[in-house]
Amino acid sequence: MKLNLTSEKSFEKLNKHFSMDRWKLRVSLLELLPKYRYT
């Protein structure tokens, strides 16, 4: 039971981390796109 709880928490942390990374990736892509369009 204890182990299950901790693994669930760490999974939640991982999930948040990945969603943040995805968001950052999307933002950086959006910033890069105009540069390529104008060159």
Protein backbone atom coordinates (compact mmCIF):
# COMPACT_ATOMS: atom_id res chain seq x y z
CA MET A 1 0.00 0.00 0.00
CA LYS A 2 2.74 2.43 0.94
CA LEU A 3 4.79 1.56 -2.10
CA ASN A 4 1.79 1.97 -4.36
CA LEU A 5 1.13 5.43 -2.99
CA THR A 6 4.68 6.62 -3.52
CA SER A 7 4.85 5.25 -7.03
CA GLU A 8 1.60 7.00 -7.84
CA LYS A 9 3.01 10.28 -6.57
CA SER A 10 6.21 9.92 -8.54
CA PHE A 11 4.18 9.06 -11.62
CA GLU A 12 2.17 12.23 -11.14
CA LYS A 13 5.40 14.19 -10.86
CA LEU A 14 6.71 12.62 -14.05
CA ASN A 15 3.47 13.38 -15.82
CA LYS A 16 3.64 17.04 -14.83
CA HIS A 17 7.26 17.20 -15.88
CA PHE A 18 6.51 15.77 -19.30
CA SER A 19 3.56 18.05 -19.88
CA MET A 20 5.76 21.01 -19.00
CA ASP A 21 8.42 19.83 -21.42
CA ARG A 22 5.84 19.42 -24.13
CA TRP A 23 4.53 22.91 -23.47
CA LYS A 24 8.04 24.39 -23.62
CA LEU A 25 8.68 22.50 -26.83
CA ARG A 26 5.52 23.85 -28.38
CA VAL A 27 6.41 27.39 -27.34
CA SER A 28 9.91 27.15 -28.74
CA LEU A 29 8.52 25.73 -31.97
CA LEU A 30 6.08 28.61 -32.24
CA GLU A 31 8.94 31.04 -31.72
CA LEU A 32 11.06 29.34 -34.35
CA LEU A 33 8.40 29.08 -37.03
CA PRO A 34 8.18 32.80 -37.89
CA LYS A 35 11.96 32.99 -38.22
CA TYR A 36 11.93 30.26 -40.84
CA ARG A 37 8.99 31.81 -42.59
CA TYR A 38 10.63 35.20 -42.98
CA THR A 39 14.00 33.98 -44.18
